[in-house]
Amino acid sequence: MLQPFGEEIWLAEGSIAVVAGFRYPTRTAVIRLPDGGLFVWSPIRLSDDLKAAVDALGEVRHLIAPNSMHHLFVTDWQRAYPAARLHATLGLRQKRKDLDFDGDLEDAPAPGWAGEIDQVLVRGNRITTEVVFFHRRSGTAIFTDLIQHFGPTWFTGWRAVVARLDLMTAPEPEVPRKFRVAFVDRRAARMAVEKILAWPTRKVVMAHAPPVETDGQAFIARAFRWLSA
């Protein structure tokens, strides 16, 4: 259920989420902080087996909704872990007024994970504002929707055509074309990517692409090469 991905970080694959008829796999990352508390990024559907595996690692203290689109299963986690703090971007606060939020995700890490996990707010996109994280201990950068990749047969029919045009089924993970066009403030995007590229990234986790386990910094640079054109 939970698979180790490095020192004090685990990944779990979730059920398929359907958005506008498009099928997306889901993935969560669980990071154990130095005080033993758990940081849960992009919560997936909470099954009994997953809850047992998470509980075996420690106490869930932080639930992270990294952009305004990754929130489908937050309610289940809040019910299961009422003492955990929910952190999200402002866009999700406006979208999900039914949720109880405890903190806003900004460029500076919250005190609960400062020093262990760094973060950058990628501003200037009309679709969503995403927070990209970096787990220092494992050298892992964590993206949500800004980099995606699906196999050539994942989508069918007209959706396969849309996915191909959107670069979702390119030879390697890419920033989808819709996100590229939606960056109305490219200067802000470049500044964010420069900060991300300064991290000593070895691995990369994405919500909708296979994890990258080597040369992560070079991989990120390739994914955002279009931004400097």
Protein backbone atom coordinates (compact mmCIF):
# COMPACT_ATOMS: atom_id res chain seq x y z
CA MET A 1 0.00 0.00 0.00
CA LEU A 2 2.65 2.53 1.10
CA GLN A 3 5.91 2.12 -0.80
CA PRO A 4 9.17 3.67 0.45
CA PHE A 5 10.56 6.28 -1.95
CA GLY A 6 13.52 7.44 0.07
CA GLU A 7 14.45 8.35 3.60
CA GLU A 8 11.25 9.19 5.52
CA ILE A 9 9.01 9.42 2.44
CA TRP A 10 6.42 6.93 1.16
CA LEU A 11 4.09 6.87 -1.86
CA ALA A 12 0.67 5.29 -2.30
CA GLU A 13 -1.38 4.87 -5.47
CA GLY A 14 -5.10 5.61 -5.26
CA SER A 15 -8.24 5.07 -7.27
CA ILE A 16 -8.98 6.68 -10.62
CA ALA A 17 -10.53 10.14 -10.52
CA VAL A 18 -12.70 11.24 -13.45
CA VAL A 19 -12.67 14.93 -14.35
CA ALA A 20 -14.64 16.13 -17.39
CA GLY A 21 -14.62 12.56 -18.68
CA PHE A 22 -10.83 12.25 -18.43
CA ARG A 23 -9.46 9.49 -16.18
CA TYR A 24 -6.62 10.45 -13.86
CA PRO A 25 -4.65 8.14 -11.57
CA THR A 26 -4.15 9.48 -8.06
CA ARG A 27 -1.10 9.40 -5.83
CA THR A 28 -0.25 10.63 -2.37
CA ALA A 29 3.07 11.17 -0.62
CA VAL A 30 3.53 10.74 3.13
CA ILE A 31 6.55 12.33 4.78
CA ARG A 32 7.57 11.66 8.36
CA LEU A 33 8.89 14.81 10.00
CA PRO A 34 11.68 14.84 12.61
CA ASP A 35 9.14 15.14 15.45
CA GLY A 36 7.38 11.97 14.25
CA GLY A 37 4.37 13.76 12.78
CA LEU A 38 3.19 13.01 9.25
CA PHE A 39 2.85 15.42 6.32
CA VAL A 40 0.32 14.03 3.81
CA TRP A 41 0.50 15.58 0.35
CA SER A 42 -2.51 15.39 -2.00
CA PRO A 43 -4.62 12.91 -0.01
CA ILE A 44 -6.11 10.05 -2.04
CA ARG A 45 -9.19 7.99 -1.16
CA LEU A 46 -8.70 6.73 2.39
CA SER A 47 -9.24 2.98 2.56
CA ASP A 48 -8.98 0.92 5.74
CA ASP A 49 -5.71 -0.61 4.52
CA LEU A 50 -4.20 2.79 3.73
CA LYS A 51 -5.26 4.20 7.09
CA ALA A 52 -3.65 1.27 8.90
CA ALA A 53 -0.41 1.74 6.95
CA VAL A 54 -0.38 5.48 7.65
CA ASP A 55 -1.11 5.00 11.34
CA ALA A 56 1.82 2.59 11.59
CA LEU A 57 4.16 5.41 10.51
CA GLY A 58 3.04 8.06 12.99
CA GLU A 59 0.45 10.72 13.73
CA VAL A 60 -1.07 12.64 10.80
CA ARG A 61 -0.52 16.31 11.59
CA HIS A 62 -0.62 18.09 8.23
CA LEU A 63 -2.95 17.55 5.25
CA ILE A 64 -1.78 19.31 2.10
CA ALA A 65 -4.06 20.33 -0.79
CA PRO A 66 -1.32 21.54 -3.19
CA ASN A 67 -3.60 23.31 -5.68
CA SER A 68 -7.27 24.12 -6.17
CA MET A 69 -7.98 20.85 -8.03
CA HIS A 70 -6.65 18.27 -5.58
CA HIS A 71 -9.28 18.22 -2.87
CA LEU A 72 -11.66 15.34 -3.68
CA PHE A 73 -10.73 13.19 -0.69
CA VAL A 74 -9.77 15.79 1.90
CA THR A 75 -13.07 15.47 3.77
CA ASP A 76 -12.48 11.77 4.50
CA TRP A 77 -9.05 12.51 5.93
CA GLN A 78 -10.35 15.36 8.07
CA ARG A 79 -12.95 13.02 9.55
CA ALA A 80 -10.36 10.33 10.21
CA TYR A 81 -7.77 12.77 11.61
CA PRO A 82 -9.66 15.69 13.20
CA ALA A 83 -6.53 17.00 14.92
CA ALA A 84 -4.62 17.32 11.63
CA ARG A 85 -4.22 20.79 10.13
CA LEU A 86 -5.40 21.39 6.56
CA HIS A 87 -3.15 23.61 4.46
CA ALA A 88 -4.21 24.86 1.02
CA THR A 89 -3.87 27.67 -1.49
CA LEU A 90 -6.26 30.61 -1.45
CA GLY A 91 -8.00 29.33 -4.58
CA LEU A 92 -9.21 26.22 -2.77
CA ARG A 93 -10.46 28.22 0.20
CA GLN A 94 -12.77 30.06 -2.19
CA LYS A 95 -13.83 26.86 -3.97
CA ARG A 96 -14.46 24.62 -0.93
CA LYS A 97 -16.08 26.77 1.71
CA ASP A 98 -17.37 23.59 3.34
CA LEU A 99 -13.86 22.59 4.44
CA ASP A 100 -12.15 23.74 7.62
CA PHE A 101 -8.79 25.28 6.68
CA ASP A 102 -5.98 25.91 9.15
CA GLY A 103 -3.26 27.52 7.05
CA ASP A 104 -2.45 29.08 3.68
CA LEU A 105 0.35 27.67 1.55
CA GLU A 106 2.79 30.42 0.62
CA ASP A 107 6.44 30.63 -0.46
CA ALA A 108 7.66 30.21 3.11
CA PRO A 109 7.21 26.77 4.68
CA ALA A 110 4.90 26.54 7.68
CA PRO A 111 6.64 26.19 11.07
CA GLY A 112 5.48 22.56 11.27
CA TRP A 113 7.80 21.48 8.45
CA ALA A 114 10.26 24.36 7.99
CA GLY A 115 13.81 23.08 7.67
CA GLU A 116 12.66 19.68 6.46
CA ILE A 117 10.44 20.58 3.49
CA ASP A 118 10.89 23.65 1.31
CA GLN A 119 8.23 25.03 -1.03
CA VAL A 120 7.58 27.47 -3.87
CA LEU A 121 4.25 28.97 -4.90
CA VAL A 122 4.02 28.94 -8.71
CA ARG A 123 1.97 32.04 -9.44
CA GLY A 124 0.61 33.57 -12.64
CA ASN A 125 -1.48 30.68 -13.99
CA ARG A 126 -5.18 31.08 -14.81
CA ILE A 127 -5.97 27.40 -14.21
CA THR A 128 -4.56 27.05 -10.72
CA THR A 129 -1.85 28.19 -8.35
CA GLU A 130 0.28 25.21 -7.42
CA VAL A 131 2.71 24.77 -4.55
CA VAL A 132 5.78 22.69 -5.41
CA PHE A 133 7.54 21.06 -2.45
CA PHE A 134 11.05 19.77 -1.84
CA HIS A 135 11.78 17.13 0.78
CA ARG A 136 15.38 17.76 1.71
CA ARG A 137 16.14 14.46 3.41
CA SER A 138 15.26 12.36 0.33
CA GLY A 139 16.11 15.00 -2.31
CA THR A 140 12.58 14.78 -3.73
CA ALA A 141 10.72 17.55 -5.55
CA ILE A 142 6.94 17.11 -5.52
CA PHE A 143 4.75 18.44 -8.33
CA THR A 144 0.99 18.06 -8.66
CA ASP A 145 -0.46 18.99 -12.08
CA LEU A 146 2.28 21.17 -13.61
CA ILE A 147 4.09 18.13 -15.04
CA GLN A 148 2.08 15.18 -16.41
CA HIS A 149 2.54 12.02 -18.45
CA PHE A 150 0.22 9.26 -19.61
CA GLY A 151 0.89 6.21 -21.75
CA PRO A 152 -0.15 6.39 -25.44
CA THR A 153 -3.16 4.11 -24.84
CA TRP A 154 -4.36 5.59 -21.55
CA PHE A 155 -6.98 7.77 -23.26
CA THR A 156 -9.22 6.66 -26.13
CA GLY A 157 -11.34 8.32 -28.80
CA TRP A 158 -11.46 12.08 -28.98
CA ARG A 159 -9.88 12.32 -25.52
CA ALA A 160 -6.76 10.65 -26.88
CA VAL A 161 -6.54 13.36 -29.55
CA VAL A 162 -6.97 16.11 -26.96
CA ALA A 163 -4.36 14.50 -24.69
CA ARG A 164 -1.86 14.24 -27.56
CA LEU A 165 -2.35 17.90 -28.54
CA ASP A 166 -2.03 18.88 -24.88
CA LEU A 167 1.34 17.04 -24.62
CA MET A 168 -0.08 14.72 -21.95
CA THR A 169 1.10 11.69 -23.95
CA ALA A 170 4.43 13.11 -25.13
CA PRO A 171 7.51 10.82 -25.02
CA GLU A 172 8.41 12.03 -21.53
CA PRO A 173 6.59 14.06 -18.85
CA GLU A 174 5.86 17.62 -19.93
CA VAL A 175 4.02 20.71 -18.75
CA PRO A 176 0.65 20.34 -20.52
CA ARG A 177 0.03 22.86 -23.26
CA LYS A 178 -3.06 24.23 -21.48
CA PHE A 179 -0.94 25.14 -18.47
CA ARG A 180 1.69 26.78 -20.68
CA VAL A 181 -0.94 28.97 -22.34
CA ALA A 182 -2.53 29.76 -18.98
CA PHE A 183 0.66 31.33 -17.61
CA VAL A 184 -0.35 34.95 -18.06
CA ASP A 185 2.53 36.06 -15.84
CA ARG A 186 5.52 34.25 -17.29
CA ARG A 187 7.94 36.35 -15.26
CA ALA A 188 6.40 35.05 -12.03
CA ALA A 189 6.54 31.52 -13.41
CA ARG A 190 10.21 31.87 -14.34
CA MET A 191 11.07 33.19 -10.89
CA ALA A 192 9.35 30.21 -9.29
CA VAL A 193 11.09 27.71 -11.57
CA GLU A 194 14.47 29.32 -10.87
CA LYS A 195 13.91 28.69 -7.16
CA ILE A 196 12.87 25.10 -7.86
CA LEU A 197 15.94 24.49 -10.01
CA ALA A 198 18.16 25.73 -7.18
CA TRP A 199 17.11 22.74 -5.07
CA PRO A 200 19.52 19.77 -5.16
CA THR A 201 16.77 17.54 -6.55
CA ARG A 202 17.54 13.88 -7.15
CA LYS A 203 14.00 12.50 -7.44
CA VAL A 204 10.67 13.89 -8.65
CA VAL A 205 7.15 12.86 -7.68
CA MET A 206 4.14 13.96 -9.74
CA ALA A 207 0.46 13.25 -9.23
CA HIS A 208 -0.08 12.16 -12.83
CA ALA A 209 3.19 10.71 -14.08
CA PRO A 210 5.55 7.92 -13.06
CA PRO A 211 8.06 9.06 -10.43
CA VAL A 212 11.56 10.00 -11.59
CA GLU A 213 14.29 8.43 -9.45
CA THR A 214 17.52 9.88 -10.91
CA ASP A 215 18.78 13.21 -12.31
CA GLY A 216 15.69 15.05 -11.04
CA GLN A 217 17.15 18.52 -11.44
CA ALA A 218 17.92 17.93 -15.13
CA PHE A 219 14.46 16.42 -15.64
CA ILE A 220 12.77 19.54 -14.24
CA ALA A 221 14.94 21.79 -16.41
CA ARG A 222 13.83 19.86 -19.52
CA ALA A 223 10.18 20.03 -18.52
CA PHE A 224 10.33 23.83 -18.23
CA ARG A 225 12.70 24.57 -21.11
CA TRP A 226 9.80 26.16 -23.06
CA LEU A 227 9.49 28.87 -20.38
CA SER A 228 12.79 30.46 -21.33
CA ALA A 229 12.05 30.44 -25.07
